[in-house]
Amino acid sequence: TSENLYIADLVWKWAPNGNNREQQLTLSGEYLYGDELNQFAASDDTNEGWYVSGVYQFAPQWSAGVRYGEVDLQEAHGDHFHNQ
């Protein structure tokens, strides 16, 4: 948990000729940042993560996509934190 949590996301969609029922490309991403974990945390101990995604719909009932993300969490361990 974090005292301050910030989240931003972005989605961009494109369809040829404006017809998203036949074909569509969707790109999206999200970023999360949390700080001030607790009274034992150092000032540079933070939680953060992100992902990016791309999906292409090439027929009315078919689509394929890829997604990649990373997360960097701090785990409380007594009076200090460890990276997970």
PDB file of N, CA and C in Angstrom:
ATOM      1  N   THR A   1       0.840  -1.189   0.000  1.00  0.00           N
ATOM      2  CA  THR A   1       0.000   0.000   0.000  1.00  0.00           C
ATOM      3  C   THR A   1       0.876   1.239   0.000  1.00  0.00           C
ATOM      4  N   SER A   2       0.313   2.295  -0.482  1.00  0.00           N
ATOM      5  CA  SER A   2       1.021   3.573  -0.552  1.00  0.00           C
ATOM      6  C   SER A   2       0.104   4.673  -0.051  1.00  0.00           C
ATOM      7  N   GLU A   3       0.700   5.687   0.560  1.00  0.00           N
ATOM      8  CA  GLU A   3      -0.112   6.820   0.990  1.00  0.00           C
ATOM      9  C   GLU A   3      -0.579   7.634  -0.211  1.00  0.00           C
ATOM     10  N   ASN A   4       0.317   7.833  -1.173  1.00  0.00           N
ATOM     11  CA  ASN A   4      -0.025   8.567  -2.399  1.00  0.00           C
ATOM     12  C   ASN A   4       0.053   7.604  -3.575  1.00  0.00           C
ATOM     13  N   LEU A   5      -1.026   7.502  -4.332  1.00  0.00           N
ATOM     14  CA  LEU A   5      -1.087   6.606  -5.483  1.00  0.00           C
ATOM     15  C   LEU A   5      -1.493   7.410  -6.706  1.00  0.00           C
ATOM     16  N   TYR A   6      -0.695   7.309  -7.766  1.00  0.00           N
ATOM     17  CA  TYR A   6      -0.960   8.043  -9.006  1.00  0.00           C
ATOM     18  C   TYR A   6      -1.087   7.036 -10.146  1.00  0.00           C
ATOM     19  N   ILE A   7      -2.105   7.206 -10.979  1.00  0.00           N
ATOM     20  CA  ILE A   7      -2.348   6.297 -12.099  1.00  0.00           C
ATOM     21  C   ILE A   7      -2.677   7.125 -13.332  1.00  0.00           C
ATOM     22  N   ALA A   8      -2.079   6.758 -14.461  1.00  0.00           N
ATOM     23  CA  ALA A   8      -2.389   7.409 -15.736  1.00  0.00           C
ATOM     24  C   ALA A   8      -2.590   6.322 -16.780  1.00  0.00           C
ATOM     25  N   ASP A   9      -3.583   6.483 -17.630  1.00  0.00           N
ATOM     26  CA  ASP A   9      -3.770   5.532 -18.713  1.00  0.00           C
ATOM     27  C   ASP A   9      -4.102   6.257 -20.001  1.00  0.00           C
ATOM     28  N   LEU A  10      -3.863   5.566 -21.100  1.00  0.00           N
ATOM     29  CA  LEU A  10      -4.054   6.138 -22.419  1.00  0.00           C
ATOM     30  C   LEU A  10      -4.569   5.043 -23.345  1.00  0.00           C
ATOM     31  N   VAL A  11      -5.582   5.367 -24.157  1.00  0.00           N
ATOM     32  CA  VAL A  11      -6.115   4.437 -25.154  1.00  0.00           C
ATOM     33  C   VAL A  11      -6.261   5.189 -26.463  1.00  0.00           C
ATOM     34  N   TRP A  12      -5.777   4.584 -27.547  1.00  0.00           N
ATOM     35  CA  TRP A  12      -5.916   5.154 -28.885  1.00  0.00           C
ATOM     36  C   TRP A  12      -6.503   4.081 -29.780  1.00  0.00           C
ATOM     37  N   LYS A  13      -7.571   4.421 -30.507  1.00  0.00           N
ATOM     38  CA  LYS A  13      -8.230   3.473 -31.406  1.00  0.00           C
ATOM     39  C   LYS A  13      -8.280   4.046 -32.807  1.00  0.00           C
ATOM     40  N   TRP A  14      -8.112   3.162 -33.790  1.00  0.00           N
ATOM     41  CA  TRP A  14      -8.192   3.560 -35.191  1.00  0.00           C
ATOM     42  C   TRP A  14      -8.919   2.473 -35.963  1.00  0.00           C
ATOM     43  N   ALA A  15      -9.843   2.891 -36.805  1.00  0.00           N
ATOM     44  CA  ALA A  15     -10.576   1.962 -37.666  1.00  0.00           C
ATOM     45  C   ALA A  15     -10.581   2.519 -39.082  1.00  0.00           C
ATOM     46  N   PRO A  16     -10.252   1.686 -40.084  1.00  0.00           N
ATOM     47  CA  PRO A  16     -10.293   2.149 -41.472  1.00  0.00           C
ATOM     48  C   PRO A  16     -11.702   2.608 -41.838  1.00  0.00           C
ATOM     49  N   ASN A  17     -11.800   3.755 -42.426  1.00  0.00           N
ATOM     50  CA  ASN A  17     -13.092   4.313 -42.847  1.00  0.00           C
ATOM     51  C   ASN A  17     -14.072   4.482 -41.690  1.00  0.00           C
ATOM     52  N   GLY A  18     -13.585   4.476 -40.464  1.00  0.00           N
ATOM     53  CA  GLY A  18     -14.452   4.677 -39.310  1.00  0.00           C
ATOM     54  C   GLY A  18     -15.325   3.483 -38.969  1.00  0.00           C
ATOM     55  N   ASN A  19     -15.102   2.327 -39.578  1.00  0.00           N
ATOM     56  CA  ASN A  19     -15.925   1.142 -39.346  1.00  0.00           C
ATOM     57  C   ASN A  19     -15.197   0.189 -38.402  1.00  0.00           C
ATOM     58  N   ASN A  20     -15.469   0.293 -37.123  1.00  0.00           N
ATOM     59  CA  ASN A  20     -14.765  -0.549 -36.159  1.00  0.00           C
ATOM     60  C   ASN A  20     -15.385  -1.937 -36.017  1.00  0.00           C
ATOM     61  N   ARG A  21     -16.434  -2.249 -36.721  1.00  0.00           N
ATOM     62  CA  ARG A  21     -17.012  -3.597 -36.670  1.00  0.00           C
ATOM     63  C   ARG A  21     -16.230  -4.571 -37.549  1.00  0.00           C
ATOM     64  N   GLU A  22     -15.546  -4.065 -38.557  1.00  0.00           N
ATOM     65  CA  GLU A  22     -14.800  -4.914 -39.490  1.00  0.00           C
ATOM     66  C   GLU A  22     -13.318  -5.011 -39.120  1.00  0.00           C
ATOM     67  N   GLN A  23     -12.678  -3.870 -38.907  1.00  0.00           N
ATOM     68  CA  GLN A  23     -11.257  -3.817 -38.561  1.00  0.00           C
ATOM     69  C   GLN A  23     -11.033  -2.706 -37.547  1.00  0.00           C
ATOM     70  N   GLN A  24     -10.051  -2.943 -36.681  1.00  0.00           N
ATOM     71  CA  GLN A  24      -9.743  -1.913 -35.687  1.00  0.00           C
ATOM     72  C   GLN A  24      -8.368  -2.185 -35.076  1.00  0.00           C
ATOM     73  N   LEU A  25      -7.649  -1.123 -34.796  1.00  0.00           N
ATOM     74  CA  LEU A  25      -6.381  -1.203 -34.079  1.00  0.00           C
ATOM     75  C   LEU A  25      -6.536  -0.428 -32.776  1.00  0.00           C
ATOM     76  N   THR A  26      -6.177  -1.051 -31.674  1.00  0.00           N
ATOM     77  CA  THR A  26      -6.252  -0.403 -30.364  1.00  0.00           C
ATOM     78  C   THR A  26      -4.885  -0.483 -29.693  1.00  0.00           C
ATOM     79  N   LEU A  27      -4.364   0.662 -29.299  1.00  0.00           N
ATOM     80  CA  LEU A  27      -3.118   0.743 -28.537  1.00  0.00           C
ATOM     81  C   LEU A  27      -3.449   1.336 -27.171  1.00  0.00           C
ATOM     82  N   SER A  28      -2.918   0.746 -26.120  1.00  0.00           N
ATOM     83  CA  SER A  28      -3.219   1.264 -24.784  1.00  0.00           C
ATOM     84  C   SER A  28      -2.016   1.082 -23.869  1.00  0.00           C
ATOM     85  N   GLY A  29      -2.025   1.831 -22.792  1.00  0.00           N
ATOM     86  CA  GLY A  29      -0.965   1.741 -21.806  1.00  0.00           C
ATOM     87  C   GLY A  29      -1.411   2.338 -20.488  1.00  0.00           C
ATOM     88  N   GLU A  30      -0.715   1.950 -19.429  1.00  0.00           N
ATOM     89  CA  GLU A  30      -1.055   2.459 -18.101  1.00  0.00           C
ATOM     90  C   GLU A  30       0.217   2.514 -17.266  1.00  0.00           C
ATOM     91  N   TYR A  31       0.287   3.503 -16.380  1.00  0.00           N
ATOM     92  CA  TYR A  31       1.418   3.666 -15.466  1.00  0.00           C
ATOM     93  C   TYR A  31       0.866   3.904 -14.067  1.00  0.00           C
ATOM     94  N   LEU A  32       1.473   3.242 -13.071  1.00  0.00           N
ATOM     95  CA  LEU A  32       1.047   3.368 -11.684  1.00  0.00           C
ATOM     96  C   LEU A  32       2.274   3.662 -10.830  1.00  0.00           C
ATOM     97  N   TYR A  33       2.134   4.615  -9.908  1.00  0.00           N
ATOM     98  CA  TYR A  33       3.234   5.008  -9.033  1.00  0.00           C
ATOM     99  C   TYR A  33       2.681   5.254  -7.635  1.00  0.00           C
ATOM    100  N   GLY A  34       3.316   4.668  -6.647  1.00  0.00           N
ATOM    101  CA  GLY A  34       2.917   4.891  -5.264  1.00  0.00           C
ATOM    102  C   GLY A  34       4.129   5.199  -4.407  1.00  0.00           C
ATOM    103  N   ASP A  35       3.993   6.174  -3.504  1.00  0.00           N
ATOM    104  CA  ASP A  35       5.105   6.519  -2.620  1.00  0.00           C
ATOM    105  C   ASP A  35       4.619   6.611  -1.182  1.00  0.00           C
ATOM    106  N   GLU A  36       5.535   6.944  -0.292  1.00  0.00           N
ATOM    107  CA  GLU A  36       5.274   7.023   1.148  1.00  0.00           C
ATOM    108  C   GLU A  36       4.612   5.734   1.626  1.00  0.00           C
ATOM    109  N   LEU A  37       5.374   4.627   1.537  1.00  0.00           N
ATOM    110  CA  LEU A  37       4.830   3.307   1.821  1.00  0.00           C
ATOM    111  C   LEU A  37       4.441   3.135   3.287  1.00  0.00           C
ATOM    112  N   ASN A  38       5.325   3.495   4.213  1.00  0.00           N
ATOM    113  CA  ASN A  38       4.999   3.539   5.641  1.00  0.00           C
ATOM    114  C   ASN A  38       6.130   4.236   6.385  1.00  0.00           C
ATOM    115  N   GLN A  39       6.072   4.249   7.704  1.00  0.00           N
ATOM    116  CA  GLN A  39       7.053   5.012   8.478  1.00  0.00           C
ATOM    117  C   GLN A  39       8.456   4.415   8.404  1.00  0.00           C
ATOM    118  N   PHE A  40       8.615   3.153   8.000  1.00  0.00           N
ATOM    119  CA  PHE A  40       9.927   2.527   7.902  1.00  0.00           C
ATOM    120  C   PHE A  40      10.565   2.694   6.529  1.00  0.00           C
ATOM    121  N   ALA A  41       9.815   3.142   5.553  1.00  0.00           N
ATOM    122  CA  ALA A  41      10.320   3.222   4.179  1.00  0.00           C
ATOM    123  C   ALA A  41      11.293   4.379   4.018  1.00  0.00           C
ATOM    124  N   ALA A  42      12.318   4.145   3.238  1.00  0.00           N
ATOM    125  CA  ALA A  42      13.218   5.236   2.866  1.00  0.00           C
ATOM    126  C   ALA A  42      12.503   6.133   1.866  1.00  0.00           C
ATOM    127  N   SER A  43      13.003   7.336   1.703  1.00  0.00           N
ATOM    128  CA  SER A  43      12.322   8.284   0.817  1.00  0.00           C
ATOM    129  C   SER A  43      12.301   7.811  -0.630  1.00  0.00           C
ATOM    130  N   ASP A  44      13.234   6.922  -1.014  1.00  0.00           N
ATOM    131  CA  ASP A  44      13.249   6.452  -2.399  1.00  0.00           C
ATOM    132  C   ASP A  44      12.543   5.104  -2.580  1.00  0.00           C
ATOM    133  N   ASP A  45      11.914   4.571  -1.534  1.00  0.00           N
ATOM    134  CA  ASP A  45      11.136   3.338  -1.664  1.00  0.00           C
ATOM    135  C   ASP A  45       9.785   3.660  -2.284  1.00  0.00           C
ATOM    136  N   THR A  46       9.538   3.097  -3.439  1.00  0.00           N
ATOM    137  CA  THR A  46       8.281   3.343  -4.148  1.00  0.00           C
ATOM    138  C   THR A  46       7.785   2.048  -4.771  1.00  0.00           C
ATOM    139  N   ASN A  47       6.507   2.020  -5.098  1.00  0.00           N
ATOM    140  CA  ASN A  47       5.915   0.971  -5.907  1.00  0.00           C
ATOM    141  C   ASN A  47       5.599   1.581  -7.258  1.00  0.00           C
ATOM    142  N   GLU A  48       5.923   0.880  -8.327  1.00  0.00           N
ATOM    143  CA  GLU A  48       5.522   1.373  -9.635  1.00  0.00           C
ATOM    144  C   GLU A  48       5.380   0.218 -10.611  1.00  0.00           C
ATOM    145  N   GLY A  49       4.559   0.447 -11.623  1.00  0.00           N
ATOM    146  CA  GLY A  49       4.340  -0.560 -12.647  1.00  0.00           C
ATOM    147  C   GLY A  49       3.750   0.075 -13.887  1.00  0.00           C
ATOM    148  N   TRP A  50       3.810  -0.666 -14.997  1.00  0.00           N
ATOM    149  CA  TRP A  50       3.293  -0.145 -16.253  1.00  0.00           C
ATOM    150  C   TRP A  50       2.999  -1.299 -17.205  1.00  0.00           C
ATOM    151  N   TYR A  51       2.188  -1.028 -18.222  1.00  0.00           N
ATOM    152  CA  TYR A  51       1.997  -1.980 -19.304  1.00  0.00           C
ATOM    153  C   TYR A  51       1.683  -1.227 -20.586  1.00  0.00           C
ATOM    154  N   VAL A  52       1.966  -1.857 -21.712  1.00  0.00           N
ATOM    155  CA  VAL A  52       1.556  -1.382 -23.031  1.00  0.00           C
ATOM    156  C   VAL A  52       0.903  -2.565 -23.735  1.00  0.00           C
ATOM    157  N   SER A  53      -0.078  -2.256 -24.571  1.00  0.00           N
ATOM    158  CA  SER A  53      -0.848  -3.295 -25.235  1.00  0.00           C
ATOM    159  C   SER A  53      -1.224  -2.852 -26.636  1.00  0.00           C
ATOM    160  N   GLY A  54      -1.246  -3.790 -27.552  1.00  0.00           N
ATOM    161  CA  GLY A  54      -1.705  -3.537 -28.911  1.00  0.00           C
ATOM    162  C   GLY A  54      -2.586  -4.683 -29.366  1.00  0.00           C
ATOM    163  N   VAL A  55      -3.771  -4.368 -29.890  1.00  0.00           N
ATOM    164  CA  VAL A  55      -4.711  -5.385 -30.370  1.00  0.00           C
ATOM    165  C   VAL A  55      -5.187  -4.981 -31.754  1.00  0.00           C
ATOM    166  N   TYR A  56      -5.127  -5.928 -32.686  1.00  0.00           N
ATOM    167  CA  TYR A  56      -5.607  -5.677 -34.044  1.00  0.00           C
ATOM    168  C   TYR A  56      -6.774  -6.611 -34.337  1.00  0.00           C
ATOM    169  N   GLN A  57      -7.930  -6.047 -34.606  1.00  0.00           N
ATOM    170  CA  GLN A  57      -9.107  -6.818 -35.013  1.00  0.00           C
ATOM    171  C   GLN A  57      -9.090  -6.863 -36.534  1.00  0.00           C
ATOM    172  N   PHE A  58      -8.884  -8.049 -37.101  1.00  0.00           N
ATOM    173  CA  PHE A  58      -8.747  -8.170 -38.548  1.00  0.00           C
ATOM    174  C   PHE A  58      -9.987  -8.726 -39.225  1.00  0.00           C
ATOM    175  N   ALA A  59     -10.969  -9.174 -38.457  1.00  0.00           N
ATOM    176  CA  ALA A  59     -12.254  -9.649 -38.971  1.00  0.00           C
ATOM    177  C   ALA A  59     -13.281  -9.421 -37.867  1.00  0.00           C
ATOM    178  N   PRO A  60     -14.575  -9.441 -38.201  1.00  0.00           N
ATOM    179  CA  PRO A  60     -15.577  -9.140 -37.178  1.00  0.00           C
ATOM    180  C   PRO A  60     -15.467  -9.991 -35.908  1.00  0.00           C
ATOM    181  N   GLN A  61     -15.080 -11.239 -36.007  1.00  0.00           N
ATOM    182  CA  GLN A  61     -15.012 -12.111 -34.832  1.00  0.00           C
ATOM    183  C   GLN A  61     -13.587 -12.503 -34.437  1.00  0.00           C
ATOM    184  N   TRP A  62     -12.573 -11.877 -35.053  1.00  0.00           N
ATOM    185  CA  TRP A  62     -11.198 -12.279 -34.799  1.00  0.00           C
ATOM    186  C   TRP A  62     -10.302 -11.082 -34.487  1.00  0.00           C
ATOM    187  N   SER A  63      -9.456 -11.259 -33.480  1.00  0.00           N
ATOM    188  CA  SER A  63      -8.459 -10.238 -33.152  1.00  0.00           C
ATOM    189  C   SER A  63      -7.241 -10.924 -32.533  1.00  0.00           C
ATOM    190  N   ALA A  64      -6.124 -10.248 -32.599  1.00  0.00           N
ATOM    191  CA  ALA A  64      -4.887 -10.745 -31.998  1.00  0.00           C
ATOM    192  C   ALA A  64      -4.180  -9.564 -31.350  1.00  0.00           C
ATOM    193  N   GLY A  65      -3.477  -9.838 -30.276  1.00  0.00           N
ATOM    194  CA  GLY A  65      -2.812  -8.737 -29.592  1.00  0.00           C
ATOM    195  C   GLY A  65      -1.590  -9.178 -28.822  1.00  0.00           C
ATOM    196  N   VAL A  66      -0.848  -8.195 -28.381  1.00  0.00           N
ATOM    197  CA  VAL A  66       0.317  -8.410 -27.527  1.00  0.00           C
ATOM    198  C   VAL A  66       0.239  -7.432 -26.359  1.00  0.00           C
ATOM    199  N   ARG A  67       0.822  -7.869 -25.260  1.00  0.00           N
ATOM    200  CA  ARG A  67       0.829  -7.019 -24.074  1.00  0.00           C
ATOM    201  C   ARG A  67       2.129  -7.269 -23.321  1.00  0.00           C
ATOM    202  N   TYR A  68       2.717  -6.196 -22.802  1.00  0.00           N
ATOM    203  CA  TYR A  68       3.934  -6.318 -22.008  1.00  0.00           C
ATOM    204  C   TYR A  68       3.843  -5.345 -20.840  1.00  0.00           C
ATOM    205  N   GLY A  69       4.306  -5.774 -19.697  1.00  0.00           N
ATOM    206  CA  GLY A  69       4.292  -4.904 -18.532  1.00  0.00           C
ATOM    207  C   GLY A  69       5.360  -5.304 -17.535  1.00  0.00           C
ATOM    208  N   GLU A  70       5.634  -4.394 -16.637  1.00  0.00           N
ATOM    209  CA  GLU A  70       6.580  -4.643 -15.552  1.00  0.00           C
ATOM    210  C   GLU A  70       6.041  -4.012 -14.278  1.00  0.00           C
ATOM    211  N   VAL A  71       6.443  -4.588 -13.154  1.00  0.00           N
ATOM    212  CA  VAL A  71       6.051  -4.034 -11.864  1.00  0.00           C
ATOM    213  C   VAL A  71       7.257  -4.107 -10.928  1.00  0.00           C
ATOM    214  N   ASP A  72       7.422  -3.095 -10.103  1.00  0.00           N
ATOM    215  CA  ASP A  72       8.505  -3.032  -9.125  1.00  0.00           C
ATOM    216  C   ASP A  72       7.870  -2.706  -7.780  1.00  0.00           C
ATOM    217  N   LEU A  73       7.702  -3.736  -6.959  1.00  0.00           N
ATOM    218  CA  LEU A  73       7.042  -3.574  -5.667  1.00  0.00           C
ATOM    219  C   LEU A  73       8.051  -3.720  -4.539  1.00  0.00           C
ATOM    220  N   GLN A  74       7.805  -3.029  -3.463  1.00  0.00           N
ATOM    221  CA  GLN A  74       8.610  -3.133  -2.254  1.00  0.00           C
ATOM    222  C   GLN A  74       7.823  -3.960  -1.245  1.00  0.00           C
ATOM    223  N   GLU A  75       8.442  -4.992  -0.703  1.00  0.00           N
ATOM    224  CA  GLU A  75       7.787  -5.857   0.269  1.00  0.00           C
ATOM    225  C   GLU A  75       8.279  -5.508   1.669  1.00  0.00           C
ATOM    226  N   ALA A  76       7.344  -5.249   2.578  1.00  0.00           N
ATOM    227  CA  ALA A  76       7.713  -4.934   3.954  1.00  0.00           C
ATOM    228  C   ALA A  76       8.337  -6.165   4.609  1.00  0.00           C
ATOM    229  N   HIS A  77       9.480  -5.968   5.272  1.00  0.00           N
ATOM    230  CA  HIS A  77      10.188  -7.052   5.942  1.00  0.00           C
ATOM    231  C   HIS A  77      10.731  -6.492   7.253  1.00  0.00           C
ATOM    232  N   GLY A  78       9.933  -6.569   8.298  1.00  0.00           N
ATOM    233  CA  GLY A  78      10.345  -6.000   9.574  1.00  0.00           C
ATOM    234  C   GLY A  78      10.402  -4.489   9.496  1.00  0.00           C
ATOM    235  N   ASP A  79      11.593  -3.929   9.727  1.00  0.00           N
ATOM    236  CA  ASP A  79      11.736  -2.473   9.716  1.00  0.00           C
ATOM    237  C   ASP A  79      12.365  -1.961   8.419  1.00  0.00           C
ATOM    238  N   HIS A  80      12.352  -2.770   7.357  1.00  0.00           N
ATOM    239  CA  HIS A  80      12.894  -2.328   6.073  1.00  0.00           C
ATOM    240  C   HIS A  80      12.132  -3.005   4.927  1.00  0.00           C
ATOM    241  N   PHE A  81      12.485  -2.663   3.708  1.00  0.00           N
ATOM    242  CA  PHE A  81      11.793  -3.187   2.531  1.00  0.00           C
ATOM    243  C   PHE A  81      12.746  -3.958   1.636  1.00  0.00           C
ATOM    244  N   HIS A  82      12.188  -4.925   0.916  1.00  0.00           N
ATOM    245  CA  HIS A  82      12.923  -5.686  -0.099  1.00  0.00           C
ATOM    246  C   HIS A  82      12.216  -5.525  -1.431  1.00  0.00           C
ATOM    247  N   ASN A  83      12.993  -5.490  -2.518  1.00  0.00           N
ATOM    248  CA  ASN A  83      12.394  -5.527  -3.854  1.00  0.00           C
ATOM    249  C   ASN A  83      11.810  -6.906  -4.092  1.00  0.00           C
ATOM    250  N   GLN A  84      10.680  -6.952  -4.769  1.00  0.00           N
ATOM    251  CA  GLN A  84      10.082  -8.232  -5.148  1.00  0.00           C
ATOM    252  C   GLN A  84      10.397  -8.524  -6.572  1.00  0.00           C
TER     253      GLN A  84
END
